[in-house]
Amino acid sequence: MSQYNYKNCQSLFGYAAAVHIRSEGKCQLCGCGSPLDFDLWRQMTVEHLIGKSQGGYLKQIRTAVAVRFPDLSPAEHESLSHRLDAKNTVTACSFCNSTTSRDINKKTMAELLNEVQGSISDIEAYISSQLQLILERKRKDVQWKLSSVREAFQNEVHPRVISAGASHAQAGLAGSGHTLAVRGVCVRE
C-alpha cells in the first residue's frame, strides 16, 4: 500500500498551515496544545472569528475589499485581502471550533471595512481591534462552556469509563480491542 498523501488533510497542511504556525499549534480559544503534541495537533482546525455567513472567508473578503477600495491594483487587493484573512483566522481545537463556529457577530466583515474612514492602515488597524474583541468574547464563551463540560466529564463520564475498564479487566476482556479515552489520551486495550 502506498503512503497516504498527508496534504489531503487541508485543516492541517493546506489552507490552515500558516494559521497553525502563526498560532504556534495552540488553540487560541482555550489554550490547549502547549507543549506541541501530535495527538492533539492533529485535531486542530481553523476558526474564522467572523464566519462565512458574515463574509469572513477569503473569497468573500476579496469581494468586500474590491467594493471598498475599487482603485487599488489587483496585487494590492490581494495583499490586503490576505492580511485581513490572516487577522480573521486562528487555530482552534475541534471542541472550541464546534462550540463557537456558528456565533453571529454584531457586524459583518464588509460592515467593518466600510464603517471607518481613513487610510488603508487606519482601516486595517480598526478591523484588527474589532477582531481582537471578538476573539476575547469567544475565549470567555469557551471558558464558560468548558467549565460545564469539565464538571460533567468528572462527575459522569470519567467514573463510568474507569468502572467499565475495571469491569472489562475482571471479566477477562483485556486485549479485546476496545479503546478507552482517559484524560484525553486514547489507550487501546
N, C-alpha and C. Protein backbone atom coordinates (compact mmCIF):
# COMPACT_ATOMS: atom_id res chain seq x y z
N MET A 1 0.85 -1.18 0.00
CA MET A 1 0.00 0.00 0.00
C MET A 1 0.90 1.24 0.00
N SER A 2 0.54 2.22 -0.81
CA SER A 2 1.33 3.44 -0.87
C SER A 2 1.03 4.32 0.35
N GLN A 3 1.95 5.22 0.62
CA GLN A 3 1.81 6.12 1.76
C GLN A 3 0.68 7.12 1.52
N TYR A 4 -0.09 7.40 2.56
CA TYR A 4 -1.17 8.38 2.48
C TYR A 4 -0.61 9.76 2.18
N ASN A 5 -1.28 10.49 1.31
CA ASN A 5 -0.87 11.85 0.98
C ASN A 5 -1.38 12.79 2.07
N TYR A 6 -0.50 13.13 3.00
CA TYR A 6 -0.88 13.97 4.14
C TYR A 6 -1.44 15.32 3.72
N LYS A 7 -1.14 15.77 2.53
CA LYS A 7 -1.64 17.07 2.07
C LYS A 7 -3.15 17.07 1.88
N ASN A 8 -3.77 15.90 1.91
CA ASN A 8 -5.23 15.82 1.87
C ASN A 8 -5.85 16.34 3.16
N CYS A 9 -5.07 16.46 4.20
CA CYS A 9 -5.55 17.00 5.48
C CYS A 9 -5.47 18.53 5.42
N GLN A 10 -6.40 19.13 4.69
CA GLN A 10 -6.37 20.57 4.46
C GLN A 10 -6.42 21.39 5.75
N SER A 11 -7.12 20.87 6.78
CA SER A 11 -7.22 21.63 8.02
C SER A 11 -5.92 21.61 8.81
N LEU A 12 -4.93 20.84 8.34
CA LEU A 12 -3.62 20.83 8.99
C LEU A 12 -2.52 21.36 8.08
N PHE A 13 -2.53 20.95 6.83
CA PHE A 13 -1.42 21.26 5.94
C PHE A 13 -1.78 22.23 4.82
N GLY A 14 -3.00 22.27 4.39
CA GLY A 14 -3.38 23.11 3.25
C GLY A 14 -3.54 24.55 3.66
N TYR A 15 -4.76 25.04 3.51
CA TYR A 15 -5.05 26.44 3.80
C TYR A 15 -4.74 26.81 5.24
N ALA A 16 -4.67 25.83 6.13
CA ALA A 16 -4.53 26.11 7.55
C ALA A 16 -3.09 26.14 8.05
N ALA A 17 -2.15 25.68 7.26
CA ALA A 17 -0.77 25.56 7.73
C ALA A 17 -0.23 26.88 8.29
N ALA A 18 -0.40 27.97 7.56
CA ALA A 18 0.11 29.26 8.03
C ALA A 18 -0.57 29.70 9.32
N VAL A 19 -1.85 29.39 9.45
CA VAL A 19 -2.59 29.75 10.67
C VAL A 19 -2.00 29.00 11.86
N HIS A 20 -1.76 27.70 11.70
CA HIS A 20 -1.22 26.89 12.81
C HIS A 20 0.20 27.34 13.18
N ILE A 21 0.98 27.71 12.20
CA ILE A 21 2.33 28.19 12.50
C ILE A 21 2.25 29.51 13.27
N ARG A 22 1.39 30.42 12.80
CA ARG A 22 1.20 31.71 13.47
C ARG A 22 0.70 31.53 14.90
N SER A 23 -0.15 30.52 15.11
CA SER A 23 -0.72 30.26 16.44
C SER A 23 0.15 29.31 17.26
N GLU A 24 1.29 28.92 16.71
CA GLU A 24 2.23 28.00 17.36
C GLU A 24 1.57 26.67 17.72
N GLY A 25 0.60 26.25 16.90
CA GLY A 25 -0.05 24.96 17.09
C GLY A 25 -0.92 24.89 18.33
N LYS A 26 -1.26 26.02 18.88
CA LYS A 26 -2.02 26.09 20.14
C LYS A 26 -3.41 26.67 19.87
N CYS A 27 -4.42 26.08 20.48
CA CYS A 27 -5.77 26.62 20.35
C CYS A 27 -5.81 28.03 20.93
N GLN A 28 -6.25 28.97 20.12
CA GLN A 28 -6.28 30.36 20.54
C GLN A 28 -7.53 30.70 21.37
N LEU A 29 -8.40 29.71 21.55
CA LEU A 29 -9.61 29.94 22.34
C LEU A 29 -9.51 29.36 23.74
N CYS A 30 -8.98 28.13 23.89
CA CYS A 30 -8.88 27.53 25.22
C CYS A 30 -7.44 27.37 25.69
N GLY A 31 -6.48 27.47 24.77
CA GLY A 31 -5.08 27.38 25.15
C GLY A 31 -4.48 25.98 25.09
N CYS A 32 -5.26 24.96 24.75
CA CYS A 32 -4.69 23.62 24.72
C CYS A 32 -3.71 23.49 23.55
N GLY A 33 -2.80 22.56 23.67
CA GLY A 33 -1.84 22.32 22.60
C GLY A 33 -0.43 22.76 22.93
N SER A 34 -0.18 23.18 24.14
CA SER A 34 1.16 23.56 24.53
C SER A 34 1.57 22.72 25.73
N PRO A 35 2.63 21.97 25.67
CA PRO A 35 3.57 21.88 24.55
C PRO A 35 2.94 21.15 23.36
N LEU A 36 3.52 21.39 22.20
CA LEU A 36 3.03 20.81 20.96
C LEU A 36 3.05 19.29 21.05
N ASP A 37 1.92 18.68 20.73
CA ASP A 37 1.76 17.23 20.82
C ASP A 37 1.02 16.76 19.59
N PHE A 38 1.50 15.73 18.92
CA PHE A 38 0.91 15.26 17.68
C PHE A 38 -0.56 14.88 17.84
N ASP A 39 -0.90 14.12 18.90
CA ASP A 39 -2.27 13.64 19.04
C ASP A 39 -3.28 14.76 19.24
N LEU A 40 -2.87 15.85 19.83
CA LEU A 40 -3.78 17.00 19.94
C LEU A 40 -3.70 17.86 18.68
N TRP A 41 -2.49 18.08 18.17
CA TRP A 41 -2.32 18.92 16.98
C TRP A 41 -3.16 18.42 15.82
N ARG A 42 -3.25 17.10 15.65
CA ARG A 42 -4.00 16.56 14.51
C ARG A 42 -5.50 16.82 14.62
N GLN A 43 -5.94 17.30 15.76
CA GLN A 43 -7.35 17.63 15.95
C GLN A 43 -7.60 19.14 15.87
N MET A 44 -6.58 19.88 15.48
CA MET A 44 -6.73 21.33 15.35
C MET A 44 -7.35 21.68 14.00
N THR A 45 -7.98 22.81 13.97
CA THR A 45 -8.60 23.31 12.75
C THR A 45 -8.50 24.83 12.76
N VAL A 46 -9.15 25.47 11.82
CA VAL A 46 -9.12 26.93 11.73
C VAL A 46 -10.47 27.49 12.17
N GLU A 47 -10.41 28.48 13.01
CA GLU A 47 -11.59 29.22 13.44
C GLU A 47 -11.57 30.57 12.75
N HIS A 48 -12.65 30.90 12.07
CA HIS A 48 -12.82 32.23 11.50
C HIS A 48 -13.55 33.08 12.53
N LEU A 49 -12.92 34.12 13.01
CA LEU A 49 -13.55 34.97 14.02
C LEU A 49 -14.85 35.55 13.50
N ILE A 50 -14.83 36.00 12.26
CA ILE A 50 -16.05 36.35 11.54
C ILE A 50 -16.23 35.24 10.52
N GLY A 51 -17.32 34.51 10.63
CA GLY A 51 -17.51 33.32 9.82
C GLY A 51 -18.03 33.58 8.42
N LYS A 52 -18.26 32.49 7.73
CA LYS A 52 -18.70 32.53 6.34
C LYS A 52 -20.02 33.27 6.18
N SER A 53 -20.95 33.05 7.10
CA SER A 53 -22.27 33.69 6.98
C SER A 53 -22.20 35.21 7.08
N GLN A 54 -21.04 35.72 7.56
CA GLN A 54 -20.88 37.16 7.70
C GLN A 54 -19.71 37.70 6.87
N GLY A 55 -19.38 36.96 5.83
CA GLY A 55 -18.37 37.44 4.88
C GLY A 55 -16.94 37.32 5.34
N GLY A 56 -16.64 36.34 6.20
CA GLY A 56 -15.30 36.22 6.76
C GLY A 56 -14.37 35.25 6.08
N TYR A 57 -14.80 34.62 5.00
CA TYR A 57 -13.91 33.71 4.27
C TYR A 57 -13.15 34.51 3.21
N LEU A 58 -11.97 34.02 2.86
CA LEU A 58 -11.09 34.78 1.97
C LEU A 58 -11.77 35.24 0.69
N LYS A 59 -12.52 34.38 0.04
CA LYS A 59 -13.19 34.76 -1.21
C LYS A 59 -14.14 35.94 -0.96
N GLN A 60 -14.84 35.90 0.16
CA GLN A 60 -15.78 36.98 0.49
C GLN A 60 -15.03 38.26 0.87
N ILE A 61 -13.90 38.10 1.55
CA ILE A 61 -13.09 39.27 1.92
C ILE A 61 -12.58 39.95 0.65
N ARG A 62 -12.16 39.13 -0.31
CA ARG A 62 -11.68 39.70 -1.59
C ARG A 62 -12.76 40.58 -2.23
N THR A 63 -13.99 40.08 -2.24
CA THR A 63 -15.10 40.84 -2.83
C THR A 63 -15.34 42.13 -2.06
N ALA A 64 -15.35 42.06 -0.74
CA ALA A 64 -15.59 43.25 0.08
C ALA A 64 -14.48 44.28 -0.09
N VAL A 65 -13.24 43.82 -0.20
CA VAL A 65 -12.11 44.73 -0.40
C VAL A 65 -12.22 45.40 -1.77
N ALA A 66 -12.60 44.64 -2.79
CA ALA A 66 -12.73 45.21 -4.14
C ALA A 66 -13.82 46.28 -4.19
N VAL A 67 -14.91 46.06 -3.46
CA VAL A 67 -16.00 47.04 -3.41
C VAL A 67 -15.56 48.28 -2.63
N ARG A 68 -14.89 48.07 -1.51
CA ARG A 68 -14.49 49.19 -0.64
C ARG A 68 -13.36 50.02 -1.26
N PHE A 69 -12.44 49.33 -1.94
CA PHE A 69 -11.26 50.01 -2.50
C PHE A 69 -11.15 49.72 -4.00
N PRO A 70 -12.04 50.28 -4.80
CA PRO A 70 -12.05 49.97 -6.23
C PRO A 70 -10.81 50.48 -6.98
N ASP A 71 -10.09 51.42 -6.41
CA ASP A 71 -8.94 52.00 -7.11
C ASP A 71 -7.63 51.27 -6.84
N LEU A 72 -7.64 50.28 -5.97
CA LEU A 72 -6.41 49.53 -5.71
C LEU A 72 -6.08 48.62 -6.89
N SER A 73 -4.82 48.37 -7.07
CA SER A 73 -4.40 47.42 -8.11
C SER A 73 -4.79 46.01 -7.68
N PRO A 74 -4.87 45.07 -8.62
CA PRO A 74 -5.18 43.69 -8.26
C PRO A 74 -4.21 43.13 -7.21
N ALA A 75 -2.94 43.47 -7.32
CA ALA A 75 -1.96 42.98 -6.34
C ALA A 75 -2.23 43.57 -4.96
N GLU A 76 -2.60 44.85 -4.90
CA GLU A 76 -2.92 45.49 -3.62
C GLU A 76 -4.21 44.90 -3.02
N HIS A 77 -5.21 44.63 -3.87
CA HIS A 77 -6.44 43.96 -3.41
C HIS A 77 -6.09 42.63 -2.75
N GLU A 78 -5.30 41.84 -3.46
CA GLU A 78 -4.96 40.50 -2.98
C GLU A 78 -4.16 40.56 -1.68
N SER A 79 -3.21 41.46 -1.62
CA SER A 79 -2.40 41.61 -0.41
C SER A 79 -3.25 42.00 0.80
N LEU A 80 -4.11 42.99 0.63
CA LEU A 80 -4.98 43.42 1.73
C LEU A 80 -5.94 42.31 2.12
N SER A 81 -6.50 41.62 1.16
CA SER A 81 -7.43 40.52 1.45
C SER A 81 -6.74 39.44 2.29
N HIS A 82 -5.53 39.10 1.92
CA HIS A 82 -4.79 38.07 2.68
C HIS A 82 -4.42 38.55 4.08
N ARG A 83 -4.09 39.81 4.22
CA ARG A 83 -3.78 40.33 5.56
C ARG A 83 -5.02 40.30 6.46
N LEU A 84 -6.17 40.68 5.90
CA LEU A 84 -7.41 40.63 6.69
C LEU A 84 -7.80 39.19 7.02
N ASP A 85 -7.62 38.30 6.06
CA ASP A 85 -7.90 36.89 6.31
C ASP A 85 -7.02 36.35 7.44
N ALA A 86 -5.75 36.72 7.44
CA ALA A 86 -4.83 36.27 8.48
C ALA A 86 -5.26 36.79 9.86
N LYS A 87 -5.75 38.01 9.90
CA LYS A 87 -6.22 38.57 11.17
C LYS A 87 -7.51 37.89 11.64
N ASN A 88 -8.28 37.36 10.70
CA ASN A 88 -9.59 36.77 10.99
C ASN A 88 -9.52 35.28 11.30
N THR A 89 -8.36 34.66 11.18
CA THR A 89 -8.25 33.22 11.38
C THR A 89 -7.28 32.88 12.49
N VAL A 90 -7.69 31.94 13.34
CA VAL A 90 -6.83 31.44 14.43
C VAL A 90 -6.97 29.92 14.49
N THR A 91 -5.98 29.29 15.11
CA THR A 91 -6.07 27.85 15.35
C THR A 91 -7.06 27.61 16.47
N ALA A 92 -7.87 26.57 16.30
CA ALA A 92 -8.81 26.17 17.35
C ALA A 92 -8.86 24.65 17.40
N CYS A 93 -9.00 24.11 18.61
CA CYS A 93 -9.20 22.67 18.74
C CYS A 93 -10.62 22.35 18.27
N SER A 94 -10.88 21.10 18.04
CA SER A 94 -12.20 20.73 17.50
C SER A 94 -13.33 21.13 18.44
N PHE A 95 -13.13 21.02 19.76
CA PHE A 95 -14.17 21.41 20.71
C PHE A 95 -14.49 22.89 20.56
N CYS A 96 -13.46 23.72 20.62
CA CYS A 96 -13.69 25.17 20.56
C CYS A 96 -14.29 25.59 19.23
N ASN A 97 -13.79 25.00 18.15
CA ASN A 97 -14.33 25.34 16.84
C ASN A 97 -15.81 24.97 16.74
N SER A 98 -16.15 23.79 17.24
CA SER A 98 -17.54 23.35 17.11
C SER A 98 -18.49 24.13 18.01
N THR A 99 -17.98 24.67 19.11
CA THR A 99 -18.87 25.40 20.02
C THR A 99 -18.94 26.89 19.74
N THR A 100 -18.09 27.39 18.83
CA THR A 100 -18.12 28.82 18.53
C THR A 100 -18.34 29.14 17.06
N SER A 101 -18.28 28.14 16.20
CA SER A 101 -18.28 28.42 14.76
C SER A 101 -19.58 28.99 14.24
N ARG A 102 -20.65 28.85 14.97
CA ARG A 102 -21.93 29.40 14.50
C ARG A 102 -22.29 30.72 15.18
N ASP A 103 -21.34 31.25 15.93
CA ASP A 103 -21.58 32.55 16.57
C ASP A 103 -21.83 33.62 15.51
N ILE A 104 -22.74 34.49 15.80
CA ILE A 104 -23.02 35.61 14.91
C ILE A 104 -22.48 36.86 15.59
N ASN A 105 -21.69 37.61 14.86
CA ASN A 105 -21.11 38.84 15.39
C ASN A 105 -22.04 40.01 15.10
N LYS A 106 -21.77 41.10 15.76
CA LYS A 106 -22.61 42.28 15.58
C LYS A 106 -22.49 42.86 14.18
N LYS A 107 -21.31 42.67 13.56
CA LYS A 107 -21.09 43.25 12.24
C LYS A 107 -20.40 42.25 11.32
N THR A 108 -20.68 42.39 10.04
CA THR A 108 -20.03 41.56 9.03
C THR A 108 -18.67 42.15 8.70
N MET A 109 -17.87 41.38 7.97
CA MET A 109 -16.56 41.89 7.55
C MET A 109 -16.74 43.12 6.65
N ALA A 110 -17.70 43.08 5.74
CA ALA A 110 -17.94 44.22 4.85
C ALA A 110 -18.35 45.45 5.66
N GLU A 111 -19.17 45.28 6.68
CA GLU A 111 -19.57 46.42 7.51
C GLU A 111 -18.36 47.02 8.23
N LEU A 112 -17.48 46.16 8.74
CA LEU A 112 -16.28 46.67 9.40
C LEU A 112 -15.41 47.44 8.41
N LEU A 113 -15.29 46.92 7.20
CA LEU A 113 -14.48 47.61 6.17
C LEU A 113 -15.05 48.97 5.82
N ASN A 114 -16.35 49.11 5.88
CA ASN A 114 -17.00 50.34 5.41
C ASN A 114 -17.32 51.36 6.50
N GLU A 115 -17.22 50.99 7.76
CA GLU A 115 -17.67 51.93 8.78
C GLU A 115 -16.61 52.91 9.26
N VAL A 116 -15.39 52.77 8.80
CA VAL A 116 -14.32 53.68 9.22
C VAL A 116 -13.71 54.34 8.00
N GLN A 117 -13.45 55.61 8.11
CA GLN A 117 -12.78 56.35 7.04
C GLN A 117 -11.30 56.48 7.40
N GLY A 118 -10.50 56.73 6.40
CA GLY A 118 -9.08 56.92 6.64
C GLY A 118 -8.27 56.09 5.67
N SER A 119 -7.01 55.96 5.98
CA SER A 119 -6.10 55.21 5.12
C SER A 119 -6.37 53.71 5.26
N ILE A 120 -5.80 52.95 4.36
CA ILE A 120 -5.91 51.50 4.46
C ILE A 120 -5.33 51.03 5.79
N SER A 121 -4.24 51.62 6.22
CA SER A 121 -3.63 51.26 7.52
C SER A 121 -4.58 51.54 8.67
N ASP A 122 -5.29 52.68 8.61
CA ASP A 122 -6.26 53.03 9.65
C ASP A 122 -7.40 51.99 9.69
N ILE A 123 -7.89 51.64 8.53
CA ILE A 123 -9.00 50.68 8.44
C ILE A 123 -8.55 49.30 8.89
N GLU A 124 -7.35 48.91 8.48
CA GLU A 124 -6.81 47.62 8.89
C GLU A 124 -6.62 47.56 10.42
N ALA A 125 -6.13 48.64 11.00
CA ALA A 125 -5.95 48.70 12.46
C ALA A 125 -7.31 48.61 13.17
N TYR A 126 -8.30 49.28 12.63
CA TYR A 126 -9.64 49.22 13.22
C TYR A 126 -10.20 47.79 13.17
N ILE A 127 -10.07 47.15 12.02
CA ILE A 127 -10.56 45.78 11.88
C ILE A 127 -9.81 44.86 12.84
N SER A 128 -8.50 45.05 12.97
CA SER A 128 -7.71 44.24 13.92
C SER A 128 -8.25 44.39 15.34
N SER A 129 -8.56 45.62 15.73
CA SER A 129 -9.06 45.85 17.09
C SER A 129 -10.43 45.19 17.28
N GLN A 130 -11.28 45.24 16.27
CA GLN A 130 -12.59 44.61 16.36
C GLN A 130 -12.48 43.08 16.41
N LEU A 131 -11.55 42.53 15.63
CA LEU A 131 -11.34 41.08 15.65
C LEU A 131 -10.78 40.63 16.99
N GLN A 132 -9.94 41.45 17.60
CA GLN A 132 -9.40 41.13 18.93
C GLN A 132 -10.53 41.08 19.96
N LEU A 133 -11.48 41.99 19.86
CA LEU A 133 -12.63 41.97 20.77
C LEU A 133 -13.48 40.71 20.56
N ILE A 134 -13.64 40.30 19.31
CA ILE A 134 -14.38 39.07 19.01
C ILE A 134 -13.65 37.87 19.60
N LEU A 135 -12.33 37.83 19.44
CA LEU A 135 -11.53 36.73 19.99
C LEU A 135 -11.67 36.68 21.51
N GLU A 136 -11.60 37.80 22.16
CA GLU A 136 -11.74 37.84 23.62
C GLU A 136 -13.13 37.36 24.05
N ARG A 137 -14.16 37.75 23.31
CA ARG A 137 -15.52 37.29 23.64
C ARG A 137 -15.63 35.78 23.46
N LYS A 138 -15.07 35.27 22.39
CA LYS A 138 -15.11 33.82 22.15
C LYS A 138 -14.34 33.06 23.23
N ARG A 139 -13.22 33.61 23.68
CA ARG A 139 -12.45 32.96 24.75
C ARG A 139 -13.27 32.86 26.03
N LYS A 140 -13.97 33.92 26.38
CA LYS A 140 -14.82 33.90 27.58
C LYS A 140 -15.94 32.87 27.42
N ASP A 141 -16.54 32.82 26.25
CA ASP A 141 -17.61 31.87 25.97
C ASP A 141 -17.11 30.44 26.09
N VAL A 142 -15.93 30.18 25.55
CA VAL A 142 -15.34 28.84 25.63
C VAL A 142 -15.06 28.46 27.08
N GLN A 143 -14.52 29.37 27.86
CA GLN A 143 -14.24 29.06 29.27
C GLN A 143 -15.51 28.71 30.01
N TRP A 144 -16.58 29.42 29.75
CA TRP A 144 -17.88 29.14 30.37
C TRP A 144 -18.36 27.74 29.99
N LYS A 145 -18.26 27.41 28.71
CA LYS A 145 -18.70 26.09 28.24
C LYS A 145 -17.80 24.98 28.78
N LEU A 146 -16.49 25.21 28.78
CA LEU A 146 -15.55 24.20 29.28
C LEU A 146 -15.77 23.90 30.75
N SER A 147 -16.13 24.89 31.52
CA SER A 147 -16.38 24.68 32.94
C SER A 147 -17.49 23.65 33.13
N SER A 148 -18.56 23.81 32.40
CA SER A 148 -19.69 22.88 32.50
C SER A 148 -19.33 21.50 31.95
N VAL A 149 -18.64 21.46 30.83
CA VAL A 149 -18.27 20.19 30.21
C VAL A 149 -17.28 19.44 31.10
N ARG A 150 -16.31 20.16 31.69
CA ARG A 150 -15.33 19.54 32.59
C ARG A 150 -16.03 18.91 33.79
N GLU A 151 -16.98 19.62 34.36
CA GLU A 151 -17.72 19.11 35.51
C GLU A 151 -18.50 17.84 35.14
N ALA A 152 -19.14 17.85 33.99
CA ALA A 152 -19.88 16.67 33.53
C ALA A 152 -18.92 15.50 33.29
N PHE A 153 -17.76 15.78 32.72
CA PHE A 153 -16.76 14.73 32.50
C PHE A 153 -16.33 14.11 33.83
N GLN A 154 -16.00 14.97 34.79
CA GLN A 154 -15.52 14.48 36.08
C GLN A 154 -16.60 13.72 36.85
N ASN A 155 -17.84 14.17 36.76
CA ASN A 155 -18.91 13.55 37.54
C ASN A 155 -19.62 12.40 36.85
N GLU A 156 -19.65 12.42 35.53
CA GLU A 156 -20.43 11.42 34.81
C GLU A 156 -19.59 10.49 33.93
N VAL A 157 -18.76 11.06 33.10
CA VAL A 157 -18.04 10.26 32.11
C VAL A 157 -16.87 9.50 32.73
N HIS A 158 -15.97 10.20 33.39
CA HIS A 158 -14.77 9.58 33.94
C HIS A 158 -15.08 8.39 34.84
N PRO A 159 -15.99 8.51 35.81
CA PRO A 159 -16.28 7.35 36.67
C PRO A 159 -16.81 6.15 35.87
N ARG A 160 -17.64 6.42 34.87
CA ARG A 160 -18.19 5.32 34.07
C ARG A 160 -17.12 4.64 33.22
N VAL A 161 -16.21 5.43 32.66
CA VAL A 161 -15.13 4.85 31.86
C VAL A 161 -14.21 4.00 32.74
N ILE A 162 -13.85 4.53 33.90
CA ILE A 162 -12.99 3.79 34.83
C ILE A 162 -13.69 2.51 35.28
N SER A 163 -14.96 2.63 35.59
CA SER A 163 -15.74 1.46 36.01
C SER A 163 -15.82 0.42 34.90
N ALA A 164 -16.05 0.87 33.69
CA ALA A 164 -16.12 -0.06 32.55
C ALA A 164 -14.78 -0.73 32.33
N GLY A 165 -13.69 0.01 32.50
CA GLY A 165 -12.36 -0.57 32.35
C GLY A 165 -12.09 -1.63 33.39
N ALA A 166 -12.50 -1.37 34.65
CA ALA A 166 -12.33 -2.34 35.72
C ALA A 166 -13.19 -3.57 35.47
N SER A 167 -14.41 -3.34 34.98
CA SER A 167 -15.31 -4.47 34.68
C SER A 167 -14.73 -5.34 33.57
N HIS A 168 -14.17 -4.71 32.56
CA HIS A 168 -13.56 -5.47 31.46
C HIS A 168 -12.38 -6.28 31.96
N ALA A 169 -11.56 -5.68 32.82
CA ALA A 169 -10.40 -6.39 33.34
C ALA A 169 -10.84 -7.59 34.17
N GLN A 170 -11.87 -7.42 35.01
CA GLN A 170 -12.37 -8.52 35.84
C GLN A 170 -12.99 -9.61 35.00
N ALA A 171 -13.61 -9.25 33.90
CA ALA A 171 -14.26 -10.25 33.05
C ALA A 171 -13.28 -10.89 32.07
N GLY A 172 -12.02 -10.48 32.15
CA GLY A 172 -11.02 -11.06 31.26
C GLY A 172 -11.10 -10.54 29.84
N LEU A 173 -11.64 -9.33 29.69
CA LEU A 173 -11.77 -8.76 28.36
C LEU A 173 -10.56 -7.93 27.94
N ALA A 174 -9.52 -7.96 28.76
CA ALA A 174 -8.32 -7.20 28.38
C ALA A 174 -7.84 -7.70 27.04
N GLY A 175 -7.44 -6.79 26.21
CA GLY A 175 -6.99 -7.16 24.88
C GLY A 175 -8.13 -7.42 23.92
N SER A 176 -9.32 -6.97 24.29
CA SER A 176 -10.49 -7.23 23.45
C SER A 176 -10.60 -6.28 22.26
N GLY A 177 -9.70 -5.32 22.21
CA GLY A 177 -9.74 -4.38 21.09
C GLY A 177 -10.54 -3.13 21.40
N HIS A 178 -11.08 -3.00 22.61
CA HIS A 178 -11.81 -1.79 22.99
C HIS A 178 -10.82 -0.65 23.19
N THR A 179 -11.27 0.55 22.95
CA THR A 179 -10.44 1.73 23.14
C THR A 179 -11.04 2.57 24.25
N LEU A 180 -10.21 2.96 25.21
CA LEU A 180 -10.64 3.82 26.30
C LEU A 180 -9.98 5.18 26.13
N ALA A 181 -10.70 6.24 26.46
CA ALA A 181 -10.11 7.58 26.42
C ALA A 181 -10.16 8.14 27.82
N VAL A 182 -9.02 8.34 28.42
CA VAL A 182 -8.92 8.89 29.76
C VAL A 182 -7.93 10.04 29.72
N ARG A 183 -8.34 11.19 30.24
CA ARG A 183 -7.50 12.39 30.25
C ARG A 183 -7.03 12.77 28.86
N GLY A 184 -7.89 12.57 27.88
CA GLY A 184 -7.57 12.99 26.52
C GLY A 184 -6.61 12.08 25.78
N VAL A 185 -6.22 10.96 26.41
CA VAL A 185 -5.30 10.02 25.76
C VAL A 185 -6.05 8.76 25.43
N CYS A 186 -6.00 8.34 24.18
CA CYS A 186 -6.67 7.12 23.76
C CYS A 186 -5.72 5.95 24.02
N VAL A 187 -6.23 4.95 24.72
CA VAL A 187 -5.44 3.77 25.03
C VAL A 187 -6.18 2.57 24.48
N ARG A 188 -5.51 1.81 23.66
CA ARG A 188 -6.12 0.61 23.08
C ARG A 188 -5.84 -0.54 24.02
N GLU A 189 -6.91 -1.25 24.42
CA GLU A 189 -6.74 -2.41 25.32
C GLU A 189 -6.12 -3.56 24.57
